Amino acid sequence: MKATVGIALTGSFCTFHRVLEVLKELKDYRLIPILSQSTALLDTRFGKAEEFRKDLEAICGSPALCTLPQVEPLGPKKLLDALVIMPCTGNTIGKLANGIADSPVTLACKAHLRNGRPVILAISTNDGLGANGENIGKLLVRKHFYFVPFSQDDPVEKPYSLVAHMEELPQTLALALEGRQLQPLLR
């Protein structure tokens, strides 16, 4: 039986094309898409929200969960084997590190963690080596959190920016389901 994986997306819109490409590689899993309010509703210079949602749902083969009532049952009903948050923005990292569950993505994470199952973060934040460094540190030492390996996005032009190596999600997910972190973490 295929493991069921929640795929939660937050608003780092510039990475969405890479997210869709890597999701196509996860054919060995049943995928349930989860969208933050921004991801579900905002049209940006990177594309229209409705078009992105349709593409995501086609790849996952499942309708997206976009509201608090839709994601709340994930925990009590033990619907996910793992939850991937990609891209995981600095805003979401801050909320997760401080126990805030006020969006579909953060509530899905809170609900899922009650079952002691893995949460995989693929960070994408312009302040990972700034204000959000402390929050990343908090999550690095928390049980059940795993990270897709990451590095500086553009050390010269954006010296505080960090981005996950999205292509390493499949291996990170497989190891997280075994309770192991893919290494090396920092690239």
Protein backbone atom coordinates (compact mmCIF):
# COMPACT_ATOMS: atom_id res chain seq x y z
CA MET A 1 0.00 0.00 0.00
CA LYS A 2 1.26 3.47 -0.90
CA ALA A 3 2.13 5.89 1.89
CA THR A 4 -0.12 8.96 1.97
CA VAL A 5 1.75 12.25 1.96
CA GLY A 6 0.32 15.70 2.48
CA ILE A 7 1.91 18.26 0.18
CA ALA A 8 1.42 21.69 1.77
CA LEU A 9 2.38 24.79 -0.17
CA THR A 10 3.01 28.27 1.15
CA GLY A 11 3.60 31.52 -0.72
CA SER A 12 7.13 31.42 -2.11
CA PHE A 13 5.59 31.76 -5.56
CA CYS A 14 8.90 31.92 -7.44
CA THR A 15 9.59 28.28 -6.53
CA PHE A 16 6.24 26.82 -7.63
CA HIS A 17 7.51 25.60 -11.01
CA ARG A 18 10.24 23.57 -9.26
CA VAL A 19 7.71 22.22 -6.75
CA LEU A 20 5.47 20.89 -9.52
CA GLU A 21 8.40 19.24 -11.27
CA VAL A 22 9.59 17.39 -8.16
CA LEU A 23 6.05 16.27 -7.29
CA LYS A 24 5.92 14.39 -10.59
CA GLU A 25 8.70 12.17 -9.20
CA LEU A 26 6.61 11.05 -6.20
CA LYS A 27 4.67 8.37 -8.05
CA ASP A 28 5.19 5.88 -5.22
CA TYR A 29 3.02 7.93 -2.86
CA ARG A 30 -0.60 8.98 -2.59
CA LEU A 31 -0.46 12.82 -2.55
CA ILE A 32 -2.94 15.14 -0.82
CA PRO A 33 -2.39 18.81 -1.71
CA ILE A 34 -2.87 21.47 0.98
CA LEU A 35 -2.75 25.19 0.17
CA SER A 36 -2.22 28.24 2.33
CA GLN A 37 -4.72 31.05 1.82
CA SER A 38 -2.17 33.04 -0.20
CA THR A 39 -1.32 30.10 -2.41
CA ALA A 40 -4.98 29.28 -3.01
CA LEU A 41 -6.09 32.83 -3.78
CA LEU A 42 -3.32 35.13 -5.01
CA ASP A 43 -2.45 35.71 -8.64
CA THR A 44 1.18 36.83 -8.91
CA ARG A 45 3.71 37.67 -11.58
CA PHE A 46 4.60 33.96 -11.45
CA GLY A 47 1.12 32.81 -12.46
CA LYS A 48 -2.56 32.62 -11.69
CA ALA A 49 -3.68 30.84 -8.53
CA GLU A 50 -6.43 28.87 -10.27
CA GLU A 51 -4.07 27.57 -12.98
CA PHE A 52 -1.49 26.52 -10.40
CA ARG A 53 -4.15 24.76 -8.32
CA LYS A 54 -5.42 22.84 -11.36
CA ASP A 55 -1.86 21.75 -12.26
CA LEU A 56 -1.18 20.70 -8.66
CA GLU A 57 -4.42 18.73 -8.36
CA ALA A 58 -3.73 16.99 -11.69
CA ILE A 59 -0.27 15.89 -10.51
CA CYS A 60 -1.53 14.80 -7.08
CA GLY A 61 -4.73 13.22 -8.37
CA SER A 62 -6.65 14.73 -5.47
CA PRO A 63 -8.50 17.99 -4.74
CA ALA A 64 -6.61 20.56 -2.67
CA LEU A 65 -7.51 21.20 0.96
CA CYS A 66 -7.68 24.97 1.45
CA THR A 67 -9.58 25.64 4.67
CA LEU A 68 -9.14 25.00 8.38
CA PRO A 69 -12.15 22.63 8.56
CA GLN A 70 -10.77 20.62 5.63
CA VAL A 71 -7.35 20.03 7.24
CA GLU A 72 -8.36 19.58 10.89
CA PRO A 73 -9.35 15.87 10.47
CA LEU A 74 -5.85 14.98 9.18
CA GLY A 75 -4.67 14.42 12.76
CA PRO A 76 -7.58 12.76 14.54
CA LYS A 77 -8.23 10.43 11.60
CA LYS A 78 -4.50 9.76 11.06
CA LEU A 79 -4.86 10.44 7.35
CA LEU A 80 -1.19 11.14 6.54
CA ASP A 81 1.98 9.09 6.87
CA ALA A 82 4.08 12.23 6.29
CA LEU A 83 3.54 15.94 5.66
CA VAL A 84 5.78 17.93 3.32
CA ILE A 85 5.72 21.73 3.46
CA MET A 86 7.26 23.08 0.27
CA PRO A 87 8.10 25.78 -0.22
CA CYS A 88 8.16 26.55 3.48
CA THR A 89 8.37 30.32 3.83
CA GLY A 90 9.93 32.28 6.66
CA ASN A 91 6.45 33.24 7.83
CA THR A 92 5.46 29.57 8.07
CA ILE A 93 8.75 28.63 9.73
CA GLY A 94 8.11 31.32 12.37
CA LYS A 95 4.61 30.06 13.01
CA LEU A 96 5.69 26.42 13.28
CA ALA A 97 8.58 27.27 15.61
CA ASN A 98 6.23 29.19 17.90
CA GLY A 99 3.22 26.86 17.88
CA ILE A 100 0.92 29.06 15.80
CA ALA A 101 -1.71 27.10 13.84
CA ASP A 102 -3.82 29.76 12.13
CA SER A 103 -3.69 28.68 8.48
CA PRO A 104 -4.51 25.49 6.58
CA VAL A 105 -0.81 24.61 6.37
CA THR A 106 0.11 25.28 10.00
CA LEU A 107 -3.06 23.59 11.31
CA ALA A 108 -2.39 20.58 9.06
CA CYS A 109 1.08 20.39 10.61
CA LYS A 110 -0.22 20.67 14.18
CA ALA A 111 -2.92 18.05 13.51
CA HIS A 112 -0.42 15.71 11.84
CA LEU A 113 2.24 16.04 14.56
CA ARG A 114 -0.15 14.69 17.19
CA ASN A 115 0.45 11.29 15.61
CA GLY A 116 4.24 11.46 15.91
CA ARG A 117 4.74 11.25 12.16
CA PRO A 118 7.32 13.13 10.06
CA VAL A 119 7.05 16.69 8.79
CA ILE A 120 9.47 17.53 6.00
CA LEU A 121 10.34 21.20 5.41
CA ALA A 122 11.70 22.51 2.12
CA ILE A 123 12.59 26.04 3.18
CA SER A 124 12.53 29.08 0.93
CA THR A 125 13.08 32.29 2.84
CA ASN A 126 14.85 35.58 2.26
CA ASP A 127 15.69 35.88 5.96
CA GLY A 128 16.90 32.40 6.86
CA LEU A 129 20.26 33.75 7.99
CA GLY A 130 18.57 36.77 9.55
CA ALA A 131 15.41 37.03 11.61
CA ASN A 132 14.32 33.47 10.82
CA GLY A 133 17.62 31.84 11.69
CA GLU A 134 16.46 31.38 15.28
CA ASN A 135 13.19 29.77 14.15
CA ILE A 136 15.00 27.37 11.81
CA GLY A 137 17.25 26.44 14.74
CA LYS A 138 14.21 25.69 16.91
CA LEU A 139 12.80 23.33 14.30
CA LEU A 140 16.13 21.62 13.59
CA VAL A 141 16.14 20.21 17.12
CA ARG A 142 12.44 19.35 17.34
CA LYS A 143 11.33 15.77 17.11
CA HIS A 144 9.57 14.69 13.90
CA PHE A 145 10.87 17.65 11.80
CA TYR A 146 13.13 16.87 8.84
CA PHE A 147 14.63 19.27 6.31
CA VAL A 148 15.27 18.98 2.61
CA PRO A 149 18.96 19.94 2.36
CA PHE A 150 19.40 23.66 1.76
CA SER A 151 21.94 26.36 1.03
CA GLN A 152 22.21 30.08 0.44
CA ASP A 153 20.13 31.15 -2.52
CA ASP A 154 22.39 33.96 -3.77
CA PRO A 155 25.18 34.80 -1.28
CA VAL A 156 26.16 38.03 -3.05
CA GLU A 157 22.82 39.64 -3.86
CA LYS A 158 20.71 38.01 -1.12
CA PRO A 159 23.14 37.04 1.67
CA TYR A 160 20.39 36.08 4.18
CA SER A 161 18.33 33.99 1.77
CA LEU A 162 18.09 30.19 2.07
CA VAL A 163 16.49 27.75 -0.33
CA ALA A 164 15.96 23.98 -0.26
CA HIS A 165 17.37 21.74 -2.95
CA MET A 166 13.91 20.65 -4.08
CA GLU A 167 15.30 17.85 -6.24
CA GLU A 168 16.35 16.11 -3.01
CA LEU A 169 12.78 15.85 -1.70
CA PRO A 170 12.21 12.24 -2.81
CA GLN A 171 15.25 10.96 -0.90
CA THR A 172 14.54 13.23 2.10
CA LEU A 173 10.95 11.96 2.28
CA ALA A 174 11.95 8.30 2.03
CA LEU A 175 14.47 8.67 4.87
CA ALA A 176 12.11 10.74 7.03
CA LEU A 177 9.55 7.94 6.82
CA GLU A 178 12.29 5.77 8.38
CA GLY A 179 13.00 8.41 11.05
CA ARG A 180 16.27 9.59 9.49
CA GLN A 181 17.52 12.98 8.23
CA LEU A 182 19.19 13.11 4.82
CA GLN A 183 22.77 14.31 5.21
CA PRO A 184 24.59 16.52 4.65
CA LEU A 185 21.87 19.01 5.49
CA LEU A 186 23.78 22.17 4.60
CA ARG A 187 25.00 22.28 1.01
